[in-house]
Amino acid sequence: MQDTLRSGTGGNATQSAPVLSQARPEPGVLVLTLNAPSARNTLSEAMLGALQMAIDEIGADRETRAVVLAATGPAFCAGHNLKEMSARRSDPDGGRAYYTSLLATCSTMMQSIVACPKPFIAAVHAPAVAAGCQLVATCDLAVASTTAQFGTTGINNGLFCSTPMVALSRKVGRAKALELLMMGGLVSADEALEMGLVNRVCAPGNLMETAIEMAAVIAAKSPAAIAIGKKAFYEQAELPLAQAYAVGSHALVENMMHCDAIEGVAAFMEKRKPVFTGT
């Protein structure tokens, strides 16, 4: 993968700047960092394209076993880039075709995170609102510093956050999701933890250490088992009970037949540390 994905930020086509950077702090761990602080890391066309490119590469990258998604600047992600979107009001159709295409692109990117065989851990240091909150809810796990806030604030601007609603309503209870969607307020990191939006809360100075430690623990597991399990988890989540068990049983059979499971069970019986290859 490239070390830095370069493209314009905030719809400014005259300036080339890195909107997404990457680092490898631990074996198997990749840190992706949203790097458009002046645009509050909005999901501009450039950011969406950079994220999609990175996710596609990560899926086939054997070196990466877990991903930390972080950000720079005063916001983790402020949602869609309203300046870009408003500029298309002058289109002959008032922007309808553009908005349809943009939201399809964003939805594809979000679904690509879910479909990716590698776990994604959001490391949230600052406000994540609207589609930024959607991005956090889409990640498999999330760590927040005490300075983070979360909300679907579009309603304050006359926009119900209908696409963030999809991820949010699948991560937290319906009552709390509707409260956030309809009232447009922000919740603290501790409140996000209580409602199940994030997994852990830590001091700002410990955020990246905590997220990377979580990623490193996952990276040490069987990548095949993680990939099979992640796919099955999301596949069964919305199914009736009997169908969900069928999905789970099929996944466990496939997992049992994999060489990592053969190695893992043998290592357990022999009281030694397993060596997972993921092949």
C-alpha atoms as a PDB file:
ATOM      1  CA  MET A   1       0.000   0.000   0.000  1.00  0.00           C
ATOM      2  CA  GLN A   2       1.050   3.581  -0.513  1.00  0.00           C
ATOM      3  CA  ASP A   3       2.330   5.438   2.551  1.00  0.00           C
ATOM      4  CA  THR A   4       0.105   8.426   1.812  1.00  0.00           C
ATOM      5  CA  LEU A   5      -2.961   8.798  -0.365  1.00  0.00           C
ATOM      6  CA  ARG A   6      -2.921  12.253  -1.901  1.00  0.00           C
ATOM      7  CA  SER A   7      -5.859  14.221  -3.176  1.00  0.00           C
ATOM      8  CA  GLY A   8      -7.601  17.558  -2.708  1.00  0.00           C
ATOM      9  CA  THR A   9      -9.372  18.463   0.503  1.00  0.00           C
ATOM     10  CA  GLY A  10     -12.620  20.275   1.020  1.00  0.00           C
ATOM     11  CA  GLY A  11     -13.351  20.398  -2.689  1.00  0.00           C
ATOM     12  CA  ASN A  12     -10.323  22.597  -3.391  1.00  0.00           C
ATOM     13  CA  ALA A  13      -9.097  21.275  -6.739  1.00  0.00           C
ATOM     14  CA  THR A  14      -6.211  23.729  -6.925  1.00  0.00           C
ATOM     15  CA  GLN A  15      -4.320  22.295  -3.963  1.00  0.00           C
ATOM     16  CA  SER A  16      -3.029  18.763  -3.620  1.00  0.00           C
ATOM     17  CA  ALA A  17      -2.728  17.555  -0.039  1.00  0.00           C
ATOM     18  CA  PRO A  18      -2.723  14.225   1.790  1.00  0.00           C
ATOM     19  CA  VAL A  19      -6.215  13.497   3.040  1.00  0.00           C
ATOM     20  CA  LEU A  20      -5.387  10.021   4.327  1.00  0.00           C
ATOM     21  CA  SER A  21      -2.082   8.771   5.704  1.00  0.00           C
ATOM     22  CA  GLN A  22      -0.971   5.434   7.079  1.00  0.00           C
ATOM     23  CA  ALA A  23       1.535   3.974   9.502  1.00  0.00           C
ATOM     24  CA  ARG A  24       2.451   0.540  10.846  1.00  0.00           C
ATOM     25  CA  PRO A  25       3.233   0.877  14.568  1.00  0.00           C
ATOM     26  CA  GLU A  26       3.057  -2.858  15.311  1.00  0.00           C
ATOM     27  CA  PRO A  27       3.312  -6.050  13.243  1.00  0.00           C
ATOM     28  CA  GLY A  28      -0.028  -6.683  11.574  1.00  0.00           C
ATOM     29  CA  VAL A  29      -1.472  -3.306  12.607  1.00  0.00           C
ATOM     30  CA  LEU A  30      -2.201  -0.531  10.120  1.00  0.00           C
ATOM     31  CA  VAL A  31      -3.181   2.971  11.276  1.00  0.00           C
ATOM     32  CA  LEU A  32      -5.204   4.996   8.766  1.00  0.00           C
ATOM     33  CA  THR A  33      -5.421   8.677   9.690  1.00  0.00           C
ATOM     34  CA  LEU A  34      -7.966  11.119   8.274  1.00  0.00           C
ATOM     35  CA  ASN A  35      -5.770  14.104   7.505  1.00  0.00           C
ATOM     36  CA  ALA A  36      -7.893  17.027   6.353  1.00  0.00           C
ATOM     37  CA  PRO A  37      -8.043  19.039   9.599  1.00  0.00           C
ATOM     38  CA  SER A  38      -8.896  22.369   7.945  1.00  0.00           C
ATOM     39  CA  ALA A  39     -12.002  20.713   6.499  1.00  0.00           C
ATOM     40  CA  ARG A  40     -12.688  18.937   9.823  1.00  0.00           C
ATOM     41  CA  ASN A  41     -12.023  15.632   8.047  1.00  0.00           C
ATOM     42  CA  THR A  42     -15.327  15.800   6.221  1.00  0.00           C
ATOM     43  CA  LEU A  43     -16.219  12.995   3.842  1.00  0.00           C
ATOM     44  CA  SER A  44     -15.450  15.009   0.740  1.00  0.00           C
ATOM     45  CA  GLU A  45     -15.212  13.343  -2.644  1.00  0.00           C
ATOM     46  CA  ALA A  46     -11.450  13.175  -2.121  1.00  0.00           C
ATOM     47  CA  MET A  47     -11.741  11.611   1.332  1.00  0.00           C
ATOM     48  CA  LEU A  48     -14.316   9.063   0.195  1.00  0.00           C
ATOM     49  CA  GLY A  49     -12.119   8.087  -2.734  1.00  0.00           C
ATOM     50  CA  ALA A  50      -9.022   7.768  -0.550  1.00  0.00           C
ATOM     51  CA  LEU A  51     -10.853   5.672   2.029  1.00  0.00           C
ATOM     52  CA  GLN A  52     -12.332   3.370  -0.604  1.00  0.00           C
ATOM     53  CA  MET A  53      -8.932   2.859  -2.208  1.00  0.00           C
ATOM     54  CA  ALA A  54      -7.342   2.062   1.147  1.00  0.00           C
ATOM     55  CA  ILE A  55     -10.098  -0.358   2.190  1.00  0.00           C
ATOM     56  CA  ASP A  56      -9.877  -2.206  -1.124  1.00  0.00           C
ATOM     57  CA  GLU A  57      -6.108  -2.592  -0.711  1.00  0.00           C
ATOM     58  CA  ILE A  58      -6.383  -3.650   2.933  1.00  0.00           C
ATOM     59  CA  GLY A  59      -8.722  -6.496   2.065  1.00  0.00           C
ATOM     60  CA  ALA A  60      -6.027  -8.174  -0.036  1.00  0.00           C
ATOM     61  CA  ASP A  61      -3.049  -7.115   2.089  1.00  0.00           C
ATOM     62  CA  ARG A  62      -1.677 -10.133   3.975  1.00  0.00           C
ATOM     63  CA  GLU A  63       0.565  -7.897   6.100  1.00  0.00           C
ATOM     64  CA  THR A  64      -2.437  -6.112   7.647  1.00  0.00           C
ATOM     65  CA  ARG A  65      -4.459  -8.011  10.231  1.00  0.00           C
ATOM     66  CA  ALA A  66      -6.211  -5.146  12.038  1.00  0.00           C
ATOM     67  CA  VAL A  67      -6.838  -1.476  11.227  1.00  0.00           C
ATOM     68  CA  VAL A  68      -7.007   1.570  13.487  1.00  0.00           C
ATOM     69  CA  LEU A  69      -8.912   4.502  11.972  1.00  0.00           C
ATOM     70  CA  ALA A  70      -7.796   7.789  13.537  1.00  0.00           C
ATOM     71  CA  ALA A  71      -7.890  11.487  12.629  1.00  0.00           C
ATOM     72  CA  THR A  72      -6.020  14.751  13.050  1.00  0.00           C
ATOM     73  CA  GLY A  73      -7.265  18.221  13.962  1.00  0.00           C
ATOM     74  CA  PRO A  74     -10.259  19.605  15.867  1.00  0.00           C
ATOM     75  CA  ALA A  75     -12.726  16.945  14.702  1.00  0.00           C
ATOM     76  CA  PHE A  76     -12.605  13.223  14.095  1.00  0.00           C
ATOM     77  CA  CYS A  77     -15.034  13.684  11.213  1.00  0.00           C
ATOM     78  CA  ALA A  78     -17.711  16.352  10.747  1.00  0.00           C
ATOM     79  CA  GLY A  79     -19.781  14.337   8.290  1.00  0.00           C
ATOM     80  CA  HIS A  80     -20.363  15.157   4.647  1.00  0.00           C
ATOM     81  CA  ASN A  81     -18.743  18.194   3.070  1.00  0.00           C
ATOM     82  CA  LEU A  82     -21.680  20.610   2.894  1.00  0.00           C
ATOM     83  CA  LYS A  83     -19.682  23.159   0.876  1.00  0.00           C
ATOM     84  CA  GLU A  84     -19.133  20.600  -1.870  1.00  0.00           C
ATOM     85  CA  MET A  85     -22.758  19.546  -1.717  1.00  0.00           C
ATOM     86  CA  SER A  86     -24.169  23.079  -1.703  1.00  0.00           C
ATOM     87  CA  ALA A  87     -22.102  23.995  -4.759  1.00  0.00           C
ATOM     88  CA  ARG A  88     -24.168  21.519  -6.789  1.00  0.00           C
ATOM     89  CA  ARG A  89     -27.429  23.358  -6.104  1.00  0.00           C
ATOM     90  CA  SER A  90     -26.754  25.186  -9.366  1.00  0.00           C
ATOM     91  CA  ASP A  91     -26.912  21.944 -11.370  1.00  0.00           C
ATOM     92  CA  PRO A  92     -29.885  21.767 -13.776  1.00  0.00           C
ATOM     93  CA  ASP A  93     -31.578  19.214 -11.516  1.00  0.00           C
ATOM     94  CA  GLY A  94     -30.768  21.120  -8.317  1.00  0.00           C
ATOM     95  CA  GLY A  95     -28.086  18.580  -7.430  1.00  0.00           C
ATOM     96  CA  ARG A  96     -30.306  15.491  -7.243  1.00  0.00           C
ATOM     97  CA  ALA A  97     -28.124  13.295  -9.484  1.00  0.00           C
ATOM     98  CA  TYR A  98     -24.960  14.407  -7.699  1.00  0.00           C
ATOM     99  CA  TYR A  99     -26.414  13.764  -4.235  1.00  0.00           C
ATOM    100  CA  THR A 100     -27.649  10.347  -5.341  1.00  0.00           C
ATOM    101  CA  SER A 101     -24.208   9.423  -6.656  1.00  0.00           C
ATOM    102  CA  LEU A 102     -22.359  10.856  -3.633  1.00  0.00           C
ATOM    103  CA  LEU A 103     -24.487   8.993  -1.103  1.00  0.00           C
ATOM    104  CA  ALA A 104     -24.151   5.777  -3.090  1.00  0.00           C
ATOM    105  CA  THR A 105     -20.372   6.234  -3.018  1.00  0.00           C
ATOM    106  CA  CYS A 106     -20.430   6.846   0.737  1.00  0.00           C
ATOM    107  CA  SER A 107     -22.715   3.866   1.359  1.00  0.00           C
ATOM    108  CA  THR A 108     -20.406   1.631  -0.674  1.00  0.00           C
ATOM    109  CA  MET A 109     -17.421   2.783   1.367  1.00  0.00           C
ATOM    110  CA  MET A 110     -19.209   2.118   4.662  1.00  0.00           C
ATOM    111  CA  GLN A 111     -20.301  -1.323   3.508  1.00  0.00           C
ATOM    112  CA  SER A 112     -16.746  -2.047   2.374  1.00  0.00           C
ATOM    113  CA  ILE A 113     -15.576  -1.608   5.975  1.00  0.00           C
ATOM    114  CA  VAL A 114     -18.143  -4.161   7.109  1.00  0.00           C
ATOM    115  CA  ALA A 115     -17.272  -6.536   4.253  1.00  0.00           C
ATOM    116  CA  CYS A 116     -13.512  -6.203   4.759  1.00  0.00           C
ATOM    117  CA  PRO A 117     -12.083  -9.348   6.402  1.00  0.00           C
ATOM    118  CA  LYS A 118      -9.850  -7.186   8.601  1.00  0.00           C
ATOM    119  CA  PRO A 119     -11.311  -5.614  11.794  1.00  0.00           C
ATOM    120  CA  PHE A 120     -11.526  -1.808  11.939  1.00  0.00           C
ATOM    121  CA  ILE A 121     -11.102   0.035  15.257  1.00  0.00           C
ATOM    122  CA  ALA A 122     -12.072   3.715  15.364  1.00  0.00           C
ATOM    123  CA  ALA A 123      -9.839   5.854  17.602  1.00  0.00           C
ATOM    124  CA  VAL A 124     -11.943   8.949  18.258  1.00  0.00           C
ATOM    125  CA  HIS A 125     -10.237  11.965  19.799  1.00  0.00           C
ATOM    126  CA  ALA A 126     -12.780  14.701  19.026  1.00  0.00           C
ATOM    127  CA  PRO A 127     -16.347  15.232  17.759  1.00  0.00           C
ATOM    128  CA  ALA A 128     -17.685  12.641  15.315  1.00  0.00           C
ATOM    129  CA  VAL A 129     -20.977  13.923  13.974  1.00  0.00           C
ATOM    130  CA  ALA A 130     -23.489  13.066  11.241  1.00  0.00           C
ATOM    131  CA  ALA A 131     -21.685  10.819   8.715  1.00  0.00           C
ATOM    132  CA  GLY A 132     -18.669  10.980  11.049  1.00  0.00           C
ATOM    133  CA  CYS A 133     -20.755   9.274  13.711  1.00  0.00           C
ATOM    134  CA  GLN A 134     -21.840   6.831  11.008  1.00  0.00           C
ATOM    135  CA  LEU A 135     -18.190   6.066  10.317  1.00  0.00           C
ATOM    136  CA  VAL A 136     -17.568   5.258  13.985  1.00  0.00           C
ATOM    137  CA  ALA A 137     -20.691   3.091  14.196  1.00  0.00           C
ATOM    138  CA  THR A 138     -19.630   1.259  11.035  1.00  0.00           C
ATOM    139  CA  CYS A 139     -16.242   0.271  12.458  1.00  0.00           C
ATOM    140  CA  ASP A 140     -16.220  -3.053  14.270  1.00  0.00           C
ATOM    141  CA  LEU A 141     -14.842  -1.561  17.484  1.00  0.00           C
ATOM    142  CA  ALA A 142     -14.250   1.959  18.789  1.00  0.00           C
ATOM    143  CA  VAL A 143     -12.134   3.658  21.437  1.00  0.00           C
ATOM    144  CA  ALA A 144     -12.877   7.232  22.476  1.00  0.00           C
ATOM    145  CA  SER A 145     -10.932   9.763  24.469  1.00  0.00           C
ATOM    146  CA  THR A 146     -12.764  11.800  27.087  1.00  0.00           C
ATOM    147  CA  THR A 147     -12.646  14.748  24.661  1.00  0.00           C
ATOM    148  CA  ALA A 148     -14.730  12.942  22.029  1.00  0.00           C
ATOM    149  CA  GLN A 149     -18.382  13.685  21.339  1.00  0.00           C
ATOM    150  CA  PHE A 150     -20.898  11.947  19.118  1.00  0.00           C
ATOM    151  CA  GLY A 151     -24.125  12.931  17.426  1.00  0.00           C
ATOM    152  CA  THR A 152     -26.282  12.967  14.313  1.00  0.00           C
ATOM    153  CA  THR A 153     -26.642  16.717  14.103  1.00  0.00           C
ATOM    154  CA  GLY A 154     -27.998  17.046  10.587  1.00  0.00           C
ATOM    155  CA  ILE A 155     -31.509  17.668  11.878  1.00  0.00           C
ATOM    156  CA  ASN A 156     -30.281  21.037  13.203  1.00  0.00           C
ATOM    157  CA  ASN A 157     -29.683  22.032   9.578  1.00  0.00           C
ATOM    158  CA  GLY A 158     -32.938  20.613   8.260  1.00  0.00           C
ATOM    159  CA  LEU A 159     -31.402  17.263   7.307  1.00  0.00           C
ATOM    160  CA  PHE A 160     -32.449  14.019   8.984  1.00  0.00           C
ATOM    161  CA  CYS A 161     -29.322  11.827   9.117  1.00  0.00           C
ATOM    162  CA  SER A 162     -30.968   8.976   7.224  1.00  0.00           C
ATOM    163  CA  THR A 163     -27.782   7.213   6.111  1.00  0.00           C
ATOM    164  CA  PRO A 164     -25.980   7.584   9.473  1.00  0.00           C
ATOM    165  CA  MET A 165     -29.222   6.169  10.912  1.00  0.00           C
ATOM    166  CA  VAL A 166     -28.510   2.811   9.270  1.00  0.00           C
ATOM    167  CA  ALA A 167     -25.213   2.223  11.066  1.00  0.00           C
ATOM    168  CA  LEU A 168     -26.264   3.918  14.306  1.00  0.00           C
ATOM    169  CA  SER A 169     -29.511   1.952  14.699  1.00  0.00           C
ATOM    170  CA  ARG A 170     -27.586  -1.288  14.271  1.00  0.00           C
ATOM    171  CA  LYS A 171     -25.051  -0.361  16.947  1.00  0.00           C
ATOM    172  CA  VAL A 172     -27.197   1.195  19.713  1.00  0.00           C
ATOM    173  CA  GLY A 173     -30.750   0.759  20.964  1.00  0.00           C
ATOM    174  CA  ARG A 174     -33.613   2.205  18.904  1.00  0.00           C
ATOM    175  CA  ALA A 175     -34.751   4.635  21.568  1.00  0.00           C
ATOM    176  CA  LYS A 176     -31.331   6.241  21.904  1.00  0.00           C
ATOM    177  CA  ALA A 177     -30.763   6.228  18.155  1.00  0.00           C
ATOM    178  CA  LEU A 178     -34.038   8.064  17.571  1.00  0.00           C
ATOM    179  CA  GLU A 179     -33.234  10.546  20.332  1.00  0.00           C
ATOM    180  CA  LEU A 180     -29.932  11.419  18.663  1.00  0.00           C
ATOM    181  CA  LEU A 181     -31.481  11.544  15.189  1.00  0.00           C
ATOM    182  CA  MET A 182     -34.479  13.659  16.140  1.00  0.00           C
ATOM    183  CA  MET A 183     -32.997  15.995  18.744  1.00  0.00           C
ATOM    184  CA  GLY A 184     -29.608  16.612  17.125  1.00  0.00           C
ATOM    185  CA  GLY A 185     -27.673  16.774  20.375  1.00  0.00           C
ATOM    186  CA  LEU A 186     -24.217  15.520  21.257  1.00  0.00           C
ATOM    187  CA  VAL A 187     -23.323  12.805  23.745  1.00  0.00           C
ATOM    188  CA  SER A 188     -20.064  12.429  25.647  1.00  0.00           C
ATOM    189  CA  ALA A 189     -17.635   9.554  25.356  1.00  0.00           C
ATOM    190  CA  ASP A 190     -18.964   8.074  28.585  1.00  0.00           C
ATOM    191  CA  GLU A 191     -22.538   8.239  27.282  1.00  0.00           C
ATOM    192  CA  ALA A 192     -21.398   6.650  24.016  1.00  0.00           C
ATOM    193  CA  LEU A 193     -19.817   3.844  26.034  1.00  0.00           C
ATOM    194  CA  GLU A 194     -23.009   3.322  28.014  1.00  0.00           C
ATOM    195  CA  MET A 195     -25.137   3.069  24.862  1.00  0.00           C
ATOM    196  CA  GLY A 196     -22.722   0.671  23.144  1.00  0.00           C
ATOM    197  CA  LEU A 197     -21.407   3.001  20.447  1.00  0.00           C
ATOM    198  CA  VAL A 198     -17.828   2.691  21.712  1.00  0.00           C
ATOM    199  CA  ASN A 199     -16.018  -0.101  23.536  1.00  0.00           C
ATOM    200  CA  ARG A 200     -13.617   1.844  25.727  1.00  0.00           C
ATOM    201  CA  VAL A 201     -13.000   5.388  26.990  1.00  0.00           C
ATOM    202  CA  CYS A 202      -9.571   6.624  27.968  1.00  0.00           C
ATOM    203  CA  ALA A 203      -7.594   9.769  28.661  1.00  0.00           C
ATOM    204  CA  PRO A 204      -6.639  11.724  25.521  1.00  0.00           C
ATOM    205  CA  GLY A 205      -2.975  10.868  25.904  1.00  0.00           C
ATOM    206  CA  ASN A 206      -3.742   7.145  25.985  1.00  0.00           C
ATOM    207  CA  LEU A 207      -6.083   6.981  22.994  1.00  0.00           C
ATOM    208  CA  MET A 208      -3.756   5.718  20.299  1.00  0.00           C
ATOM    209  CA  GLU A 209      -1.900   3.418  22.689  1.00  0.00           C
ATOM    210  CA  THR A 210      -5.196   1.824  23.708  1.00  0.00           C
ATOM    211  CA  ALA A 211      -6.456   1.436  20.138  1.00  0.00           C
ATOM    212  CA  ILE A 212      -3.154   0.016  18.895  1.00  0.00           C
ATOM    213  CA  GLU A 213      -2.998  -2.415  21.827  1.00  0.00           C
ATOM    214  CA  MET A 214      -6.478  -3.678  20.934  1.00  0.00           C
ATOM    215  CA  ALA A 215      -5.476  -4.015  17.290  1.00  0.00           C
ATOM    216  CA  ALA A 216      -2.275  -5.861  18.232  1.00  0.00           C
ATOM    217  CA  VAL A 217      -4.230  -8.374  20.322  1.00  0.00           C
ATOM    218  CA  ILE A 218      -6.507  -9.077  17.353  1.00  0.00           C
ATOM    219  CA  ALA A 219      -3.552  -9.191  14.942  1.00  0.00           C
ATOM    220  CA  ALA A 220      -2.058 -12.015  16.998  1.00  0.00           C
ATOM    221  CA  LYS A 221      -5.138 -14.190  16.471  1.00  0.00           C
ATOM    222  CA  SER A 222      -5.802 -16.367  13.453  1.00  0.00           C
ATOM    223  CA  PRO A 223      -6.560 -13.998  10.536  1.00  0.00           C
ATOM    224  CA  ALA A 224      -8.662 -16.701   8.938  1.00  0.00           C
ATOM    225  CA  ALA A 225     -10.774 -17.180  12.056  1.00  0.00           C
ATOM    226  CA  ILE A 226     -11.233 -13.411  12.399  1.00  0.00           C
ATOM    227  CA  ALA A 227     -12.274 -13.091   8.736  1.00  0.00           C
ATOM    228  CA  ILE A 228     -14.708 -16.005   8.893  1.00  0.00           C
ATOM    229  CA  GLY A 229     -16.135 -14.807  12.206  1.00  0.00           C
ATOM    230  CA  LYS A 230     -16.542 -11.173  11.151  1.00  0.00           C
ATOM    231  CA  LYS A 231     -18.383 -12.171   7.981  1.00  0.00           C
ATOM    232  CA  ALA A 232     -20.686 -14.509   9.899  1.00  0.00           C
ATOM    233  CA  PHE A 233     -21.355 -11.945  12.635  1.00  0.00           C
ATOM    234  CA  TYR A 234     -22.756  -9.354  10.251  1.00  0.00           C
ATOM    235  CA  GLU A 235     -24.543 -11.935   8.127  1.00  0.00           C
ATOM    236  CA  GLN A 236     -26.461 -13.408  11.070  1.00  0.00           C
ATOM    237  CA  ALA A 237     -27.140 -10.176  12.939  1.00  0.00           C
ATOM    238  CA  GLU A 238     -30.394  -9.312  11.149  1.00  0.00           C
ATOM    239  CA  LEU A 239     -31.646 -12.875  10.595  1.00  0.00           C
ATOM    240  CA  PRO A 240     -34.315 -14.857  12.458  1.00  0.00           C
ATOM    241  CA  LEU A 241     -32.930 -17.209  15.096  1.00  0.00           C
ATOM    242  CA  ALA A 242     -32.942 -20.449  13.077  1.00  0.00           C
ATOM    243  CA  GLN A 243     -31.294 -18.810  10.058  1.00  0.00           C
ATOM    244  CA  ALA A 244     -28.755 -17.123  12.306  1.00  0.00           C
ATOM    245  CA  TYR A 245     -27.767 -20.475  13.816  1.00  0.00           C
ATOM    246  CA  ALA A 246     -27.445 -21.942  10.327  1.00  0.00           C
ATOM    247  CA  VAL A 247     -25.036 -19.149   9.379  1.00  0.00           C
ATOM    248  CA  GLY A 248     -23.070 -19.600  12.594  1.00  0.00           C
ATOM    249  CA  SER A 249     -22.873 -23.373  12.209  1.00  0.00           C
ATOM    250  CA  HIS A 250     -21.687 -23.123   8.601  1.00  0.00           C
ATOM    251  CA  ALA A 251     -19.038 -20.582   9.602  1.00  0.00           C
ATOM    252  CA  LEU A 252     -17.774 -22.779  12.446  1.00  0.00           C
ATOM    253  CA  VAL A 253     -17.520 -25.811  10.150  1.00  0.00           C
ATOM    254  CA  GLU A 254     -15.504 -23.774   7.642  1.00  0.00           C
ATOM    255  CA  ASN A 255     -13.344 -22.484  10.495  1.00  0.00           C
ATOM    256  CA  MET A 256     -12.771 -26.009  11.859  1.00  0.00           C
ATOM    257  CA  MET A 257     -11.555 -27.174   8.453  1.00  0.00           C
ATOM    258  CA  HIS A 258      -8.986 -24.371   8.180  1.00  0.00           C
ATOM    259  CA  CYS A 259      -5.308 -25.071   8.886  1.00  0.00           C
ATOM    260  CA  ASP A 260      -5.234 -22.349  11.553  1.00  0.00           C
ATOM    261  CA  ALA A 261      -7.882 -24.221  13.546  1.00  0.00           C
ATOM    262  CA  ILE A 262      -5.988 -27.489  13.136  1.00  0.00           C
ATOM    263  CA  GLU A 263      -2.849 -25.747  14.402  1.00  0.00           C
ATOM    264  CA  GLY A 264      -4.674 -23.924  17.199  1.00  0.00           C
ATOM    265  CA  VAL A 265      -6.366 -27.025  18.587  1.00  0.00           C
ATOM    266  CA  ALA A 266      -3.128 -29.018  18.357  1.00  0.00           C
ATOM    267  CA  ALA A 267      -1.249 -26.249  20.178  1.00  0.00           C
ATOM    268  CA  PHE A 268      -3.908 -26.214  22.908  1.00  0.00           C
ATOM    269  CA  MET A 269      -3.637 -29.973  23.370  1.00  0.00           C
ATOM    270  CA  GLU A 270       0.171 -29.807  23.372  1.00  0.00           C
ATOM    271  CA  LYS A 271       0.219 -26.806  25.737  1.00  0.00           C
ATOM    272  CA  ARG A 272       2.205 -24.567  23.390  1.00  0.00           C
ATOM    273  CA  LYS A 273       1.651 -21.255  21.624  1.00  0.00           C
ATOM    274  CA  PRO A 274      -0.008 -21.647  18.201  1.00  0.00           C
ATOM    275  CA  VAL A 275       1.563 -20.340  15.012  1.00  0.00           C
ATOM    276  CA  PHE A 276      -1.171 -19.021  12.737  1.00  0.00           C
ATOM    277  CA  THR A 277      -0.474 -18.577   9.040  1.00  0.00           C
ATOM    278  CA  GLY A 278      -3.876 -17.471   7.802  1.00  0.00           C
ATOM    279  CA  THR A 279      -3.393 -19.330   4.526  1.00  0.00           C
END
